[in-house]
Amino acid sequence: MSTKKDKFTVKDKRYMRLALNLASARKGLTGENPSVGCLIVKNDKIISIGQTGYRGRPHAEYNAIKNSVDDLKGSKMYVSLEPCNHYGKTPPCTNIIIRSGISEIIYSLDDIDKKVRGKSYKILSKRKIKVKRGLLKYEAKNLYDSYIVNRLNKMPYITAKIAVSKNNIIYSKGIKRITDLSSDKFTHYLRFKNDSILVSSKTLNIDNPKLNCRLKGYENFSPKRIVLDKNLELNLNSYIVKSARDNNTVIFYNLGNNKKIRFLKKKGIILIKTNLDKKKLFNLKTIFKKLFNIGVRNLLIEGGDKITKNLIQNKLVSKFYLFRSPKMISKNKKYQIFSSFDILNKKYRTKFKINTRLGKDNITIYKK
């Protein structure tokens, strides 16, 4: 670790914040790899920057070095996460750093991956590169919350959301929108930042949602669609079925007729047969483990009352968004009330609760 003689300067902190901002911009968009930000400084001037590529490659350090048109000899590199030091789908970043002529490197956080953790410090130091670590590490831990969950638990980072009216209704037949347009746009931002989105077949059949990102310019970052449908009851004329392509849709089921199964498979939908628990329900933790195994790292859940209650009771959600509208919604023949306020406040500690406002709506963010 850095010694008392190697205290970080104000400029070091400023440069590292820029590296963290670069990483944050790509968070959720780098597949199985963490999003990393990197910049190279020489003579007190930023001469190059790099971010992890979409889908996870190339790495940020590689991009920063390759993007530079300056001689890197004697320069300093700032990286949000410890550079990789092992061969995977790409060569180690430590190799290209050593060859580049960079004389000093500062990184914020040790990688949680056992193959990497702490080894880069030794490798680079042996090559006479000055190495410091731990700068703005608490900010970095917050940035890498999802990556840490992925590595430690072998599960996706789970974000869930639900919108409720002033009188606590989350659904009433014939009413399409509860929240303000600003909240709707933020929902699409969440879809952009998560690689997958999960709903139940009940939600699918009631709302016929598109589950895509409709922010202008970001449509190509729409998440993979995940549907929980234990008896394969989804409507075959739904938007999700009609728009299925390139394995962008996964359905977990337990029972279903063969004709429907063949039809869905021809549409390119991935079907995963899964056992039910003693209550004849899916075990959500099992579902999440299976999703992790097929590459899901950041999962957004837009569920109804039952699935949301299950998630909260079992504390499976890492971040939960509660959108509260000032609207009073009438109770039609079919309506649903959100029943988990007390459980939510009990399970998720107050100090991790943030209240904010978006348009006319109040948003409470709960975090593990």
Protein backbone atom coordinates (compact mmCIF):
# COMPACT_ATOMS: atom_id res chain seq x y z
CA MET A 1 0.00 0.00 0.00
CA SER A 2 1.08 3.63 -0.30
CA THR A 3 3.42 4.89 2.43
CA LYS A 4 3.29 8.20 4.26
CA LYS A 5 5.86 9.55 1.79
CA ASP A 6 3.59 8.58 -1.10
CA LYS A 7 0.46 10.51 -0.14
CA PHE A 8 -1.97 11.12 -2.95
CA THR A 9 -2.12 14.69 -4.17
CA VAL A 10 -5.17 16.79 -4.98
CA LYS A 11 -4.33 16.29 -8.65
CA ASP A 12 -4.13 12.52 -8.15
CA LYS A 13 -7.66 12.56 -6.74
CA ARG A 14 -8.93 14.69 -9.60
CA TYR A 15 -7.47 12.34 -12.21
CA MET A 16 -8.79 9.26 -10.42
CA ARG A 17 -12.29 10.76 -10.28
CA LEU A 18 -12.11 11.14 -14.04
CA ALA A 19 -11.11 7.47 -14.34
CA LEU A 20 -14.04 6.48 -12.11
CA ASN A 21 -16.40 8.60 -14.22
CA LEU A 22 -15.16 6.88 -17.39
CA ALA A 23 -15.85 3.51 -15.75
CA SER A 24 -19.28 4.59 -14.52
CA ALA A 25 -20.33 5.63 -18.03
CA ARG A 26 -19.94 2.04 -19.26
CA LYS A 27 -21.25 0.31 -16.12
CA GLY A 28 -23.70 -2.43 -17.06
CA LEU A 29 -22.58 -2.42 -20.71
CA THR A 30 -19.41 -4.52 -20.53
CA GLY A 31 -20.82 -8.03 -20.31
CA GLU A 32 -19.05 -10.38 -17.93
CA ASN A 33 -16.10 -8.01 -17.43
CA PRO A 34 -16.11 -5.04 -15.04
CA SER A 35 -16.26 -1.56 -16.53
CA VAL A 36 -12.89 0.14 -16.06
CA GLY A 37 -11.82 3.72 -16.69
CA CYS A 38 -8.25 4.70 -17.41
CA LEU A 39 -6.33 7.86 -18.23
CA ILE A 40 -2.66 8.60 -18.89
CA VAL A 41 -1.00 11.80 -17.71
CA LYS A 42 2.36 13.26 -18.74
CA ASN A 43 3.81 16.60 -17.66
CA ASP A 44 0.54 17.33 -15.85
CA LYS A 45 -1.49 16.90 -19.00
CA ILE A 46 -3.96 14.17 -19.90
CA ILE A 47 -2.62 12.61 -23.09
CA SER A 48 -4.99 9.65 -23.45
CA ILE A 49 -8.08 8.00 -22.00
CA GLY A 50 -9.60 4.54 -22.26
CA GLN A 51 -12.72 2.63 -21.22
CA THR A 52 -13.57 -1.04 -21.27
CA GLY A 53 -15.13 -1.82 -24.64
CA TYR A 54 -18.79 -2.69 -25.00
CA ARG A 55 -19.30 -6.40 -24.22
CA GLY A 56 -16.04 -6.31 -22.18
CA ARG A 57 -13.21 -6.01 -24.70
CA PRO A 58 -10.73 -4.43 -25.33
CA HIS A 59 -9.77 -3.50 -21.79
CA ALA A 60 -9.49 0.13 -20.70
CA GLU A 61 -5.70 0.08 -20.20
CA TYR A 62 -5.16 -1.35 -23.68
CA ASN A 63 -7.46 1.28 -25.20
CA ALA A 64 -5.73 4.15 -23.36
CA ILE A 65 -2.28 3.03 -24.50
CA LYS A 66 -3.36 2.38 -28.09
CA ASN A 67 -5.25 5.71 -28.25
CA SER A 68 -2.17 7.72 -27.32
CA VAL A 69 -0.17 9.50 -30.02
CA ASP A 70 2.44 10.65 -27.48
CA ASP A 71 5.53 8.86 -26.22
CA LEU A 72 4.43 7.23 -22.96
CA LYS A 73 7.89 7.03 -21.43
CA GLY A 74 7.80 8.71 -18.02
CA SER A 75 4.00 9.02 -17.96
CA LYS A 76 1.57 8.12 -15.18
CA MET A 77 -1.52 5.91 -15.52
CA TYR A 78 -4.69 6.16 -13.39
CA VAL A 79 -7.00 3.12 -13.40
CA SER A 80 -10.25 2.57 -11.52
CA LEU A 81 -9.54 -1.15 -10.93
CA GLU A 82 -6.40 -3.27 -10.62
CA PRO A 83 -5.17 -4.19 -14.13
CA CYS A 84 -5.56 -7.82 -15.13
CA ASN A 85 -2.42 -9.97 -15.00
CA HIS A 86 -3.48 -13.32 -16.47
CA TYR A 87 -4.28 -14.73 -19.88
CA GLY A 88 -7.98 -15.02 -20.67
CA LYS A 89 -9.69 -13.99 -23.89
CA THR A 90 -7.10 -11.19 -24.05
CA PRO A 91 -3.44 -11.00 -22.95
CA PRO A 92 -2.69 -9.46 -19.51
CA CYS A 93 -2.92 -5.67 -19.32
CA THR A 94 0.23 -5.72 -17.18
CA ASN A 95 2.17 -6.84 -20.28
CA ILE A 96 1.21 -3.85 -22.40
CA ILE A 97 1.70 -1.47 -19.46
CA ILE A 98 5.25 -2.76 -18.97
CA ARG A 99 6.05 -2.46 -22.70
CA SER A 100 4.57 1.05 -22.94
CA GLY A 101 7.21 2.84 -20.87
CA ILE A 102 4.73 4.11 -18.29
CA SER A 103 6.70 4.82 -15.13
CA GLU A 104 3.95 5.05 -12.52
CA ILE A 105 0.48 3.59 -12.07
CA ILE A 106 -2.21 4.39 -9.52
CA TYR A 107 -5.30 2.22 -9.24
CA SER A 108 -8.22 2.58 -6.91
CA LEU A 109 -9.32 -0.92 -5.94
CA ASP A 110 -7.81 -4.41 -5.80
CA ASP A 111 -9.68 -6.76 -8.10
CA ILE A 112 -12.01 -9.13 -6.24
CA ASP A 113 -11.09 -11.90 -8.70
CA LYS A 114 -8.65 -14.29 -6.99
CA LYS A 115 -6.75 -14.76 -10.27
CA VAL A 116 -5.86 -11.06 -10.25
CA ARG A 117 -6.09 -9.72 -6.71
CA GLY A 118 -2.86 -8.09 -5.52
CA LYS A 119 -0.69 -9.77 -8.14
CA SER A 120 -0.43 -6.79 -10.47
CA TYR A 121 1.19 -4.74 -7.72
CA LYS A 122 4.01 -7.27 -7.47
CA ILE A 123 4.38 -7.80 -11.24
CA LEU A 124 4.60 -4.09 -12.05
CA SER A 125 6.80 -3.23 -9.06
CA LYS A 126 9.34 -5.86 -10.12
CA ARG A 127 9.62 -4.06 -13.46
CA LYS A 128 10.57 -0.83 -11.67
CA ILE A 129 7.15 0.75 -12.22
CA LYS A 130 6.03 2.81 -9.23
CA VAL A 131 2.66 1.47 -8.04
CA LYS A 132 0.15 3.02 -5.62
CA ARG A 133 -3.30 1.68 -4.79
CA GLY A 134 -6.31 2.55 -2.69
CA LEU A 135 -7.02 6.05 -4.02
CA LEU A 136 -10.77 6.82 -3.68
CA LYS A 137 -11.37 3.16 -2.87
CA TYR A 138 -14.73 3.79 -1.19
CA GLU A 139 -16.07 5.50 -4.31
CA ALA A 140 -14.68 2.59 -6.32
CA LYS A 141 -16.39 0.02 -4.07
CA ASN A 142 -19.70 1.73 -4.75
CA LEU A 143 -18.98 1.74 -8.48
CA TYR A 144 -18.10 -1.96 -8.46
CA ASP A 145 -20.97 -3.10 -6.25
CA SER A 146 -22.45 -5.25 -9.02
CA TYR A 147 -19.08 -6.72 -10.03
CA ILE A 148 -18.36 -7.66 -6.40
CA VAL A 149 -21.75 -9.43 -6.12
CA ASN A 150 -21.08 -11.25 -9.41
CA ARG A 151 -17.68 -12.54 -8.30
CA LEU A 152 -18.48 -13.39 -4.69
CA ASN A 153 -21.99 -14.85 -5.09
CA LYS A 154 -21.91 -16.14 -8.68
CA MET A 155 -25.23 -14.36 -9.20
CA PRO A 156 -26.39 -11.33 -11.16
CA TYR A 157 -26.68 -8.00 -9.40
CA ILE A 158 -30.43 -7.63 -8.88
CA THR A 159 -32.18 -4.29 -9.29
CA ALA A 160 -35.97 -4.21 -8.86
CA LYS A 161 -38.53 -1.44 -9.26
CA ILE A 162 -42.20 -0.91 -8.73
CA ALA A 163 -44.52 2.08 -9.20
CA VAL A 164 -47.36 2.80 -6.78
CA SER A 165 -50.11 5.41 -6.71
CA LYS A 166 -50.89 7.66 -3.75
CA ASN A 167 -53.41 5.04 -2.58
CA ASN A 168 -50.82 2.22 -3.02
CA ILE A 169 -52.23 0.70 -6.21
CA ILE A 170 -49.72 -0.82 -8.65
CA TYR A 171 -52.24 -2.00 -11.23
CA SER A 172 -55.80 -1.11 -12.16
CA LYS A 173 -57.41 -2.40 -15.34
CA GLY A 174 -57.56 0.17 -18.11
CA ILE A 175 -54.95 2.51 -16.57
CA LYS A 176 -51.68 2.37 -18.46
CA ARG A 177 -49.50 4.87 -16.62
CA ILE A 178 -49.14 5.53 -12.90
CA THR A 179 -45.93 7.58 -12.84
CA ASP A 180 -44.74 10.84 -14.37
CA LEU A 181 -43.10 10.84 -17.84
CA SER A 182 -39.75 11.64 -16.19
CA SER A 183 -40.00 8.41 -14.18
CA ASP A 184 -40.84 6.49 -17.34
CA LYS A 185 -37.67 7.81 -18.98
CA PHE A 186 -35.65 6.81 -15.93
CA THR A 187 -37.10 3.29 -16.23
CA HIS A 188 -35.73 3.14 -19.77
CA TYR A 189 -32.37 4.33 -18.43
CA LEU A 190 -32.42 1.38 -15.99
CA ARG A 191 -33.15 -0.94 -18.92
CA PHE A 192 -30.18 0.57 -20.76
CA LYS A 193 -27.90 -0.05 -17.76
CA ASN A 194 -28.96 -3.67 -17.18
CA ASP A 195 -28.11 -6.48 -19.58
CA SER A 196 -31.35 -8.37 -18.82
CA ILE A 197 -34.89 -7.72 -17.62
CA LEU A 198 -37.23 -10.20 -15.90
CA VAL A 199 -41.04 -10.32 -15.70
CA SER A 200 -43.63 -12.97 -14.95
CA SER A 201 -45.92 -14.38 -17.63
CA LYS A 202 -48.82 -12.80 -15.70
CA THR A 203 -47.33 -9.32 -16.20
CA LEU A 204 -46.60 -10.18 -19.81
CA ASN A 205 -50.17 -11.30 -20.54
CA ILE A 206 -51.77 -8.32 -18.76
CA ASP A 207 -49.55 -5.51 -20.08
CA ASN A 208 -48.03 -6.98 -23.27
CA PRO A 209 -44.85 -4.96 -22.55
CA LYS A 210 -42.01 -4.37 -25.01
CA LEU A 211 -39.32 -4.49 -22.28
CA ASN A 212 -36.92 -2.57 -24.49
CA CYS A 213 -34.97 0.66 -24.10
CA ARG A 214 -36.67 3.49 -25.94
CA LEU A 215 -34.22 6.29 -25.15
CA LYS A 216 -33.25 7.87 -28.45
CA GLY A 217 -29.90 6.54 -29.65
CA TYR A 218 -29.76 3.70 -27.12
CA GLU A 219 -32.28 1.30 -28.64
CA ASN A 220 -29.52 -1.19 -29.47
CA PHE A 221 -28.80 -1.55 -25.75
CA SER A 222 -32.18 -3.09 -24.98
CA PRO A 223 -31.84 -5.88 -22.41
CA LYS A 224 -32.31 -9.60 -22.89
CA ARG A 225 -35.89 -10.55 -21.90
CA ILE A 226 -36.40 -13.16 -19.15
CA VAL A 227 -39.88 -14.58 -18.46
CA LEU A 228 -40.99 -16.76 -15.54
CA ASP A 229 -43.81 -18.94 -16.84
CA LYS A 230 -44.15 -22.21 -14.95
CA ASN A 231 -46.96 -23.64 -17.12
CA LEU A 232 -46.08 -21.89 -20.39
CA GLU A 233 -49.19 -19.73 -20.31
CA LEU A 234 -47.77 -16.74 -22.17
CA ASN A 235 -49.75 -15.34 -25.07
CA LEU A 236 -48.15 -16.44 -28.34
CA ASN A 237 -49.34 -13.21 -29.96
CA SER A 238 -47.50 -11.05 -27.41
CA TYR A 239 -44.87 -8.55 -28.49
CA ILE A 240 -42.17 -10.55 -26.66
CA VAL A 241 -42.87 -13.70 -28.68
CA LYS A 242 -43.28 -11.87 -31.99
CA SER A 243 -40.01 -9.93 -31.53
CA ALA A 244 -37.92 -12.88 -30.33
CA ARG A 245 -34.63 -13.21 -32.24
CA ASP A 246 -30.95 -14.05 -31.78
CA ASN A 247 -31.52 -15.69 -28.38
CA ASN A 248 -32.71 -12.37 -26.89
CA THR A 249 -35.49 -14.11 -24.94
CA VAL A 250 -35.31 -16.75 -22.19
CA ILE A 251 -38.31 -18.51 -20.64
CA PHE A 252 -38.14 -20.54 -17.44
CA TYR A 253 -40.91 -23.12 -17.28
CA ASN A 254 -41.87 -26.33 -15.49
CA LEU A 255 -44.66 -27.81 -17.62
CA GLY A 256 -45.88 -27.10 -21.14
CA ASN A 257 -47.37 -28.82 -24.15
CA ASN A 258 -44.94 -30.01 -26.79
CA LYS A 259 -46.55 -28.06 -29.63
CA LYS A 260 -46.04 -24.77 -27.78
CA ILE A 261 -42.49 -25.72 -26.84
CA ARG A 262 -41.60 -26.46 -30.48
CA PHE A 263 -43.16 -23.18 -31.63
CA LEU A 264 -41.22 -21.13 -29.08
CA LYS A 265 -37.94 -22.86 -29.92
CA LYS A 266 -38.47 -22.15 -33.64
CA LYS A 267 -38.79 -18.48 -32.70
CA GLY A 268 -35.27 -18.64 -31.24
CA ILE A 269 -36.44 -18.48 -27.63
CA ILE A 270 -34.27 -20.25 -25.05
CA LEU A 271 -36.43 -22.54 -22.89
CA ILE A 272 -35.05 -23.66 -19.53
CA LYS A 273 -37.04 -26.33 -17.72
CA THR A 274 -36.79 -25.77 -13.97
CA ASN A 275 -38.13 -27.58 -10.92
CA LEU A 276 -40.54 -25.93 -8.49
CA ASP A 277 -40.18 -25.75 -4.71
CA LYS A 278 -42.56 -27.24 -2.12
CA LYS A 279 -44.94 -24.29 -2.61
CA LYS A 280 -45.10 -25.04 -6.36
CA LEU A 281 -43.15 -21.87 -7.12
CA PHE A 282 -39.83 -21.18 -8.78
CA ASN A 283 -36.91 -20.83 -6.39
CA LEU A 284 -35.70 -17.37 -7.43
CA LYS A 285 -32.17 -17.94 -6.17
CA THR A 286 -31.93 -21.03 -8.41
CA ILE A 287 -33.23 -18.96 -11.35
CA PHE A 288 -30.60 -16.28 -10.70
CA LYS A 289 -27.79 -18.84 -10.52
CA LYS A 290 -28.88 -20.26 -13.87
CA LEU A 291 -29.01 -16.78 -15.37
CA PHE A 292 -25.48 -16.09 -14.13
CA ASN A 293 -24.32 -19.28 -15.85
CA ILE A 294 -25.63 -18.03 -19.20
CA GLY A 295 -23.88 -14.68 -18.86
CA VAL A 296 -26.41 -12.42 -17.10
CA ARG A 297 -24.59 -10.00 -14.80
CA ASN A 298 -27.04 -7.11 -14.19
CA LEU A 299 -30.71 -8.03 -13.94
CA LEU A 300 -33.62 -5.60 -13.71
CA ILE A 301 -36.89 -7.00 -12.36
CA GLU A 302 -40.17 -5.29 -13.17
CA GLY A 303 -42.57 -7.52 -11.29
CA GLY A 304 -45.96 -7.41 -9.66
CA ASP A 305 -46.76 -7.64 -5.96
CA LYS A 306 -46.07 -11.38 -5.49
CA ILE A 307 -42.64 -11.57 -7.08
CA THR A 308 -41.61 -8.26 -5.47
CA LYS A 309 -42.68 -9.52 -2.05
CA ASN A 310 -40.70 -12.75 -2.57
CA LEU A 311 -37.59 -10.77 -3.57
CA ILE A 312 -37.81 -8.44 -0.58
CA GLN A 313 -38.61 -11.13 1.99
CA ASN A 314 -35.60 -13.18 0.91
CA LYS A 315 -33.42 -10.08 0.51
CA LEU A 316 -32.46 -11.04 -3.02
CA VAL A 317 -32.54 -7.46 -4.32
CA SER A 318 -29.35 -5.41 -4.11
CA LYS A 319 -31.05 -2.17 -5.14
CA PHE A 320 -34.77 -1.41 -5.08
CA TYR A 321 -36.53 1.61 -6.60
CA LEU A 322 -39.94 2.55 -5.20
CA PHE A 323 -41.68 5.12 -7.43
CA ARG A 324 -44.52 6.92 -5.61
CA SER A 325 -46.95 8.90 -7.71
CA PRO A 326 -49.20 11.67 -6.29
CA LYS A 327 -52.06 10.28 -8.37
CA MET A 328 -55.08 8.59 -6.81
CA ILE A 329 -55.97 5.55 -8.92
CA SER A 330 -59.52 4.21 -9.01
CA LYS A 331 -60.09 0.60 -8.04
CA ASN A 332 -61.58 -1.07 -11.07
CA LYS A 333 -62.81 -4.69 -11.25
CA LYS A 334 -59.21 -5.84 -11.46
CA TYR A 335 -56.65 -3.99 -9.37
CA GLN A 336 -53.59 -4.80 -7.28
CA ILE A 337 -52.20 -3.13 -4.15
CA PHE A 338 -48.54 -3.07 -3.11
CA SER A 339 -48.36 -5.02 0.14
CA SER A 340 -44.67 -4.90 1.05
CA PHE A 341 -44.00 -1.46 2.57
CA ASP A 342 -43.45 -2.80 6.08
CA ILE A 343 -41.29 -5.71 4.89
CA LEU A 344 -39.22 -3.39 2.70
CA ASN A 345 -38.43 -0.98 5.53
CA LYS A 346 -37.66 -3.85 7.90
CA LYS A 347 -35.38 -5.78 5.55
CA TYR A 348 -33.43 -2.84 4.13
CA ARG A 349 -31.70 -0.66 6.68
CA THR A 350 -32.61 3.02 6.87
CA LYS A 351 -29.05 4.29 6.43
CA PHE A 352 -28.99 2.83 2.92
CA LYS A 353 -32.27 4.52 1.96
CA ILE A 354 -32.23 7.55 -0.36
CA ASN A 355 -35.23 9.78 -1.04
CA THR A 356 -35.30 11.91 -4.17
CA ARG A 357 -37.75 13.45 -6.60
CA LEU A 358 -38.26 12.96 -10.32
CA GLY A 359 -40.88 15.09 -12.04
CA LYS A 360 -44.00 14.86 -9.89
CA ASP A 361 -42.98 11.51 -8.37
CA ASN A 362 -41.08 10.68 -5.21
CA ILE A 363 -38.48 7.92 -5.51
CA THR A 364 -37.06 5.96 -2.59
CA ILE A 365 -33.96 3.90 -3.33
CA TYR A 366 -33.20 1.02 -0.99
CA LYS A 367 -29.80 -0.65 -1.10
CA LYS A 368 -28.34 -3.68 0.63
